[in-house]
């Protein structure tokens, strides 16, 4: 058996120079320290993205992206297609876990200062992927065309439309008109399965190449140790095997969630019905939605909702550009200040998400 495998390997190596990649992997090492656990969340996020793609393609074989057939096609998937209910449930749960693990990955990179030179572009590509990920969540939410998704999308697009100057054109572009209709569903469906995945894949490829080229970031206390005391592990097979083990654990968690807590479909959307009480966005938008409730209707001459949107937009931009305004001074005051900002953001998101959930 081994001679045949060797022949296959030699055949592939002769054509794609596989040995160069093997040599690179053999020489690559991962630093080992008390923060090493955070390295694995990037790999888990990548694994969840792969699951999203696979389950999304399977669902796409039966889904119909029209106002008349969207809800019925999901019903058909859940009731008639073999294991259709399971695939849809895995897809939905994976979407939520994907955003959660990406959030953990983003904050771990932030607190470890892994965005600093020479990793500014790596951070920017990661942040752009995170914003696209939120776009995946928003565009995919309407696709079942159920009651909750319809009115949540209506509220979400109305908030976007409140932005001065550009809000109205963006609202009409997202909706395909003035109201949430079948045109909105078709447009968001196109973004969800074609436009966003295409852009995301390009950014993901760029991000992975940069990570491989630059290696894992190292904490300052690790760098300051004598070289002989710097513990490392080979990327292949040690780190890869640990990564795969965590992927298996995540896959089991997904299976448990999908089987014991299947994703409900709800009622079909009726554009002429009144909105049900207690409409809320998904949990990853909940802290922003709840924050807007506490802003007065008028702040000087600016509408409170508009002010809240502008503040969140400015905060997101500053967060994305943190490599360019966080510089390390000789005594490190800026580092402590940025840490306090990060802690405030984490506590703010957790607090307002809980308040929104309980409201």
Protein backbone atom coordinates (compact mmCIF):
# COMPACT_ATOMS: atom_id res chain seq x y z
CA UNK A 1 0.00 0.00 0.00
CA UNK A 2 2.80 2.42 0.92
CA UNK A 3 4.57 2.20 -2.49
CA UNK A 4 1.31 3.14 -4.22
CA UNK A 5 0.79 6.10 -1.88
CA UNK A 6 4.39 7.16 -2.52
CA UNK A 7 3.78 7.03 -6.27
CA UNK A 8 0.63 9.14 -5.93
CA UNK A 9 2.50 11.65 -3.76
CA UNK A 10 5.41 11.82 -6.23
CA UNK A 11 2.98 12.30 -9.14
CA UNK A 12 1.26 15.23 -7.38
CA UNK A 13 4.55 16.67 -6.13
CA UNK A 14 6.02 16.67 -9.62
CA UNK A 15 3.17 18.82 -10.88
CA UNK A 16 2.38 21.20 -7.98
CA UNK A 17 5.67 21.10 -6.03
CA UNK A 18 3.97 19.80 -2.91
CA UNK A 19 7.27 19.16 -1.14
CA UNK A 20 7.88 22.91 -0.80
CA UNK A 21 4.66 23.23 1.19
CA UNK A 22 5.60 20.21 3.33
CA UNK A 23 9.00 21.73 4.08
CA UNK A 24 7.37 25.03 5.00
CA UNK A 25 4.92 23.32 7.35
CA UNK A 26 7.72 21.28 8.94
CA UNK A 27 9.70 24.43 9.78
CA UNK A 28 6.74 26.42 11.10
CA UNK A 29 6.41 26.68 14.88
CA UNK A 30 3.71 28.08 17.16
CA UNK A 31 4.66 29.88 20.41
CA UNK A 32 3.43 28.23 23.60
CA UNK A 33 2.45 30.49 26.50
CA UNK A 34 -0.47 31.15 28.86
CA UNK A 35 -2.47 32.92 26.13
CA UNK A 36 -2.02 30.19 23.49
CA UNK A 37 -5.67 29.08 23.83
CA UNK A 38 -6.79 32.17 21.90
CA UNK A 39 -4.90 31.01 18.80
CA UNK A 40 -7.49 28.29 18.22
CA UNK A 41 -10.54 30.53 17.79
CA UNK A 42 -9.40 31.67 14.36
CA UNK A 43 -9.29 28.04 13.22
CA UNK A 44 -12.70 27.31 14.77
CA UNK A 45 -14.17 30.30 12.90
CA UNK A 46 -12.70 28.95 9.65
CA UNK A 47 -14.19 25.51 10.37
CA UNK A 48 -17.64 27.03 11.00
CA UNK A 49 -17.39 28.98 7.73
CA UNK A 50 -16.75 25.71 5.86
CA UNK A 51 -19.81 24.16 7.51
CA UNK A 52 -21.87 27.21 6.53
CA UNK A 53 -20.81 26.85 2.92
CA UNK A 54 -21.56 23.12 2.77
CA UNK A 55 -24.96 23.33 4.48
CA UNK A 56 -25.83 26.47 2.51
CA UNK A 57 -25.18 24.67 -0.80
CA UNK A 58 -27.35 21.74 0.33
CA UNK A 59 -30.20 24.10 1.27
CA UNK A 60 -29.80 25.98 -2.01
CA UNK A 61 -30.75 22.83 -3.92
CA UNK A 62 -34.33 23.11 -2.63
CA UNK A 63 -34.78 26.74 -1.60
CA UNK A 64 -36.87 29.08 -3.79
CA UNK A 65 -36.05 32.76 -3.37
CA UNK A 66 -39.43 34.28 -4.14
CA UNK A 67 -42.21 35.77 -2.04
CA UNK A 68 -44.65 33.07 -3.11
CA UNK A 69 -42.39 30.04 -2.61
CA UNK A 70 -39.71 30.90 0.00
CA UNK A 71 -41.68 29.87 3.09
CA UNK A 72 -43.14 26.78 1.41
CA UNK A 73 -39.70 25.66 0.17
CA UNK A 74 -38.36 25.80 3.75
CA UNK A 75 -41.38 23.79 4.91
CA UNK A 76 -40.63 21.25 2.19
CA UNK A 77 -36.99 21.03 3.26
CA UNK A 78 -37.95 20.49 6.89
CA UNK A 79 -40.74 17.97 6.31
CA UNK A 80 -40.06 16.12 3.04
CA UNK A 81 -36.32 16.21 2.34
CA UNK A 82 -34.31 13.51 4.12
CA UNK A 83 -32.50 15.17 7.05
CA UNK A 84 -33.52 18.55 5.66
CA UNK A 85 -34.60 19.77 9.09
CA UNK A 86 -31.18 18.80 10.47
CA UNK A 87 -29.23 20.58 7.72
CA UNK A 88 -31.26 23.76 8.19
CA UNK A 89 -30.88 23.62 11.95
CA UNK A 90 -27.11 23.11 11.65
CA UNK A 91 -26.89 26.01 9.20
CA UNK A 92 -28.76 28.33 11.58
CA UNK A 93 -26.86 27.31 14.70
CA UNK A 94 -23.55 27.51 12.85
CA UNK A 95 -24.32 31.07 11.80
CA UNK A 96 -24.72 32.09 15.44
CA UNK A 97 -21.65 30.19 16.65
CA UNK A 98 -19.66 31.63 13.73
CA UNK A 99 -20.39 35.18 14.85
CA UNK A 100 -19.68 34.29 18.50
CA UNK A 101 -16.29 32.66 17.81
CA UNK A 102 -15.34 35.51 15.46
CA UNK A 103 -16.16 38.00 18.21
CA UNK A 104 -13.97 36.06 20.65
CA UNK A 105 -11.19 35.92 18.05
CA UNK A 106 -11.45 39.65 17.36
CA UNK A 107 -11.31 40.65 21.04
CA UNK A 108 -8.43 38.24 21.73
CA UNK A 109 -6.45 39.83 18.90
CA UNK A 110 -7.34 43.27 20.26
CA UNK A 111 -6.24 42.57 23.85
CA UNK A 112 -3.08 40.78 22.71
CA UNK A 113 -2.18 43.80 20.53
CA UNK A 114 -1.73 41.45 17.58
CA UNK A 115 -2.88 44.22 15.22
CA UNK A 116 0.34 46.20 15.58
CA UNK A 117 3.09 46.45 12.98
CA UNK A 118 3.52 44.45 10.77
CA UNK A 119 -0.02 43.01 11.13
CA UNK A 120 -2.13 46.09 10.33
CA UNK A 121 -3.41 44.64 7.04
CA UNK A 122 -4.22 41.33 8.74
CA UNK A 123 -6.38 43.20 11.27
CA UNK A 124 -8.10 45.25 8.55
CA UNK A 125 -8.92 42.17 6.48
CA UNK A 126 -10.27 40.45 9.61
CA UNK A 127 -12.46 43.42 10.51
CA UNK A 128 -13.85 43.64 6.98
CA UNK A 129 -14.72 39.95 7.19
CA UNK A 130 -16.45 40.55 10.51
CA UNK A 131 -18.61 43.32 9.01
CA UNK A 132 -19.42 41.04 6.07
CA UNK A 133 -20.35 38.34 8.58
CA UNK A 134 -22.90 40.70 10.12
CA UNK A 135 -24.13 41.30 6.58
CA UNK A 136 -24.56 37.52 6.17
CA UNK A 137 -26.67 37.49 9.32
CA UNK A 138 -28.84 40.40 8.17
CA UNK A 139 -29.38 39.19 4.58
CA UNK A 140 -30.01 35.58 5.59
CA UNK A 141 -32.54 36.46 8.26
CA UNK A 142 -35.32 37.31 5.77
CA UNK A 143 -34.87 34.25 3.53
CA UNK A 144 -37.38 31.98 5.36
CA UNK A 145 -39.97 34.76 4.75
CA UNK A 146 -41.57 34.21 8.14
CA UNK A 147 -43.38 36.76 10.29
CA UNK A 148 -40.53 37.54 12.68
CA UNK A 149 -37.91 37.92 9.92
CA UNK A 150 -40.17 40.13 7.81
CA UNK A 151 -40.87 42.73 10.50
CA UNK A 152 -37.32 42.59 11.91
CA UNK A 153 -35.98 43.33 8.41
CA UNK A 154 -38.50 46.14 8.06
CA UNK A 155 -37.32 47.72 11.33
CA UNK A 156 -33.65 47.17 10.47
CA UNK A 157 -33.89 48.82 7.06
CA UNK A 158 -35.90 51.72 8.53
CA UNK A 159 -33.07 52.37 11.01
CA UNK A 160 -30.59 52.40 8.11
CA UNK A 161 -32.85 54.79 6.22
CA UNK A 162 -32.63 57.30 9.08
CA UNK A 163 -28.99 58.09 8.23
CA UNK A 164 -28.76 61.63 6.75
CA UNK A 165 -28.18 62.06 3.01
CA UNK A 166 -27.24 58.46 2.15
CA UNK A 167 -29.84 56.68 4.29
CA UNK A 168 -32.77 56.93 1.87
CA UNK A 169 -30.86 55.66 -1.20
CA UNK A 170 -29.42 52.78 0.86
CA UNK A 171 -32.89 51.86 2.14
CA UNK A 172 -34.32 51.81 -1.38
CA UNK A 173 -31.35 49.81 -2.63
CA UNK A 174 -31.67 47.21 0.13
CA UNK A 175 -35.45 46.90 -0.22
CA UNK A 176 -35.59 47.16 -4.00
CA UNK A 177 -38.21 49.87 -3.51
CA UNK A 178 -39.96 51.75 -0.73
CA UNK A 179 -41.30 48.71 1.15
CA UNK A 180 -40.17 45.21 2.15
CA UNK A 181 -41.53 43.02 -0.65
CA UNK A 182 -40.60 40.03 -2.75
CA UNK A 183 -38.06 42.30 -4.48
CA UNK A 184 -36.35 42.74 -1.09
CA UNK A 185 -36.23 38.98 -0.60
CA UNK A 186 -34.74 38.40 -4.06
CA UNK A 187 -32.16 41.14 -3.54
CA UNK A 188 -31.04 39.95 -0.10
CA UNK A 189 -30.98 36.36 -1.39
CA UNK A 190 -28.58 37.39 -4.16
CA UNK A 191 -26.33 39.16 -1.68
CA UNK A 192 -26.44 36.24 0.76
CA UNK A 193 -25.50 33.46 -1.69
CA UNK A 194 -23.36 35.28 -4.28
CA UNK A 195 -22.06 38.78 -3.56
CA UNK A 196 -21.09 38.48 0.11
CA UNK A 197 -19.57 34.96 -0.18
CA UNK A 198 -17.45 36.06 -3.15
CA UNK A 199 -16.03 39.09 -1.33
CA UNK A 200 -15.64 37.11 1.90
CA UNK A 201 -13.67 34.34 0.16
CA UNK A 202 -11.20 36.84 -1.33
CA UNK A 203 -10.68 38.50 2.05
CA UNK A 204 -10.37 35.12 3.78
CA UNK A 205 -7.68 34.00 1.34
CA UNK A 206 -5.78 37.25 1.88
CA UNK A 207 -6.15 36.92 5.66
CA UNK A 208 -4.86 33.32 5.75
CA UNK A 209 -1.88 34.12 3.52
CA UNK A 210 -0.93 37.04 5.79
CA UNK A 211 -1.24 34.89 8.91
CA UNK A 212 0.97 32.20 7.38
CA UNK A 213 3.54 34.72 6.20
CA UNK A 214 3.71 36.64 9.49
CA UNK A 215 3.23 33.72 11.89
CA UNK A 216 1.41 33.80 15.22
CA UNK A 217 1.74 36.98 17.24
CA UNK A 218 3.73 36.73 20.45
CA UNK A 219 3.00 38.53 23.76
CA UNK A 220 5.65 40.97 24.99
CA UNK A 221 6.52 38.79 27.98
CA UNK A 222 7.19 35.89 25.56
CA UNK A 223 9.42 38.02 23.33
CA UNK A 224 11.38 39.32 26.30
CA UNK A 225 12.34 35.83 27.48
CA UNK A 226 15.74 34.40 26.51
CA UNK A 227 15.49 32.38 23.32
CA UNK A 228 16.24 29.15 25.21
CA UNK A 229 13.18 29.70 27.44
CA UNK A 230 10.73 30.42 24.60
CA UNK A 231 8.57 27.30 24.34
CA UNK A 232 7.20 26.40 20.89
CA UNK A 233 5.38 23.52 19.23
CA UNK A 234 5.53 22.39 15.58
CA UNK A 235 2.61 23.70 13.51
CA UNK A 236 2.37 20.29 11.87
CA UNK A 237 1.32 17.91 13.30
CA UNK A 238 1.08 19.17 16.92
CA UNK A 239 -0.91 22.38 16.46
CA UNK A 240 -2.98 20.98 13.58
CA UNK A 241 -4.02 17.95 15.67
CA UNK A 242 -5.09 20.19 18.57
CA UNK A 243 -7.04 22.32 16.11
CA UNK A 244 -8.77 19.24 14.67
CA UNK A 245 -9.66 18.03 18.15
CA UNK A 246 -11.37 21.33 18.91
CA UNK A 247 -13.17 21.18 15.57
CA UNK A 248 -14.57 17.77 16.50
CA UNK A 249 -15.78 19.15 19.84
CA UNK A 250 -17.49 22.06 18.03
CA UNK A 251 -19.05 19.65 15.52
CA UNK A 252 -20.48 17.59 18.39
CA UNK A 253 -21.84 20.77 20.01
CA UNK A 254 -23.51 21.72 16.74
CA UNK A 255 -25.06 18.28 16.43
CA UNK A 256 -26.46 18.47 19.98
CA UNK A 257 -27.91 21.93 19.42
CA UNK A 258 -29.38 21.00 16.03
CA UNK A 259 -31.02 17.80 17.28
CA UNK A 260 -32.30 18.88 20.70
CA UNK A 261 -33.00 22.55 19.86
CA UNK A 262 -34.10 22.52 16.19
CA UNK A 263 -34.54 25.89 14.52
CA UNK A 264 -38.21 26.82 14.29
CA UNK A 265 -39.81 28.20 11.11
CA UNK A 266 -42.69 30.18 12.60
CA UNK A 267 -45.59 31.66 10.62
CA UNK A 268 -45.48 32.86 7.03
CA UNK A 269 -45.03 36.62 6.67
CA UNK A 270 -48.12 38.69 5.93
CA UNK A 271 -47.13 42.20 4.74
CA UNK A 272 -50.62 43.50 5.53
CA UNK A 273 -50.69 42.23 9.13
CA UNK A 274 -49.63 44.33 12.07
CA UNK A 275 -46.23 43.66 13.61
CA UNK A 276 -46.30 41.20 16.54
CA UNK A 277 -45.34 42.58 19.94
CA UNK A 278 -41.76 42.30 21.10
CA UNK A 279 -39.99 42.24 17.72
CA UNK A 280 -36.23 42.05 18.31
CA UNK A 281 -33.19 41.58 16.08
CA UNK A 282 -30.77 38.69 16.43
CA UNK A 283 -28.56 38.71 19.55
CA UNK A 284 -25.53 40.17 17.75
CA UNK A 285 -27.52 43.31 16.84
CA UNK A 286 -29.39 43.45 20.13
CA UNK A 287 -27.01 45.76 22.02
CA UNK A 288 -27.29 48.41 19.30
CA UNK A 289 -31.07 48.04 19.11
CA UNK A 290 -31.37 48.38 22.90
CA UNK A 291 -29.01 51.37 23.00
CA UNK A 292 -31.20 53.31 20.56
CA UNK A 293 -34.11 52.99 23.00
CA UNK A 294 -32.26 55.02 25.65
CA UNK A 295 -31.40 57.94 23.38
CA UNK A 296 -33.93 60.82 23.56
CA UNK A 297 -36.07 61.53 20.51
CA UNK A 298 -34.21 64.83 20.02
CA UNK A 299 -30.66 65.71 21.04
CA UNK A 300 -30.36 69.42 20.29
CA UNK A 301 -31.40 69.53 16.61
CA UNK A 302 -30.48 65.93 15.75
CA UNK A 303 -32.92 63.02 15.87
CA UNK A 304 -31.90 60.60 18.61
CA UNK A 305 -32.02 57.58 16.29
CA UNK A 306 -29.80 59.33 13.74
CA UNK A 307 -27.34 60.33 16.46
CA UNK A 308 -27.16 56.74 17.72
CA UNK A 309 -26.49 55.37 14.22
CA UNK A 310 -23.77 57.96 13.60
CA UNK A 311 -22.12 57.18 16.95
CA UNK A 312 -22.10 53.43 16.29
CA UNK A 313 -20.72 54.04 12.79
CA UNK A 314 -17.94 56.26 14.15
CA UNK A 315 -17.14 53.74 16.91
CA UNK A 316 -16.93 50.90 14.37
CA UNK A 317 -14.59 52.94 12.17
CA UNK A 318 -12.32 53.83 15.10
CA UNK A 319 -12.25 50.20 16.20
CA UNK A 320 -11.27 49.11 12.70
CA UNK A 321 -8.47 51.70 12.54
CA UNK A 322 -7.04 50.91 15.99
CA UNK A 323 -3.59 49.91 14.57
CA UNK A 324 -3.14 53.48 13.36
CA UNK A 325 -4.05 55.34 16.56
CA UNK A 326 -2.74 52.91 19.20
CA UNK A 327 0.98 53.45 19.39
CA UNK A 328 3.20 52.22 22.18
CA UNK A 329 4.93 54.92 24.22
CA UNK A 330 8.13 54.38 26.19
CA UNK A 331 6.12 53.85 29.39
CA UNK A 332 3.13 52.12 27.79
CA UNK A 333 0.32 54.51 28.91
CA UNK A 334 -1.42 54.11 25.54
CA UNK A 335 -1.51 50.33 25.96
CA UNK A 336 -3.36 50.59 29.27
CA UNK A 337 -5.75 53.15 27.81
CA UNK A 338 -6.58 50.88 24.86
CA UNK A 339 -7.09 47.95 27.24
CA UNK A 340 -9.62 50.01 29.22
CA UNK A 341 -11.41 50.87 25.97
CA UNK A 342 -11.61 47.20 25.05
CA UNK A 343 -12.92 46.22 28.47
CA UNK A 344 -15.55 48.96 28.29
CA UNK A 345 -16.68 47.75 24.85
CA UNK A 346 -16.96 44.13 26.01
CA UNK A 347 -18.92 45.06 29.15
CA UNK A 348 -21.14 47.45 27.19
CA UNK A 349 -22.04 44.80 24.60
CA UNK A 350 -22.75 42.16 27.27
CA UNK A 351 -24.82 44.51 29.44
CA UNK A 352 -26.99 45.94 26.67
CA UNK A 353 -27.44 42.52 25.06
CA UNK A 354 -28.77 41.19 28.38
CA UNK A 355 -31.01 44.24 28.82
CA UNK A 356 -32.35 43.80 25.30
CA UNK A 357 -32.96 40.11 25.89
CA UNK A 358 -34.86 40.75 29.11
CA UNK A 359 -36.85 43.73 27.79
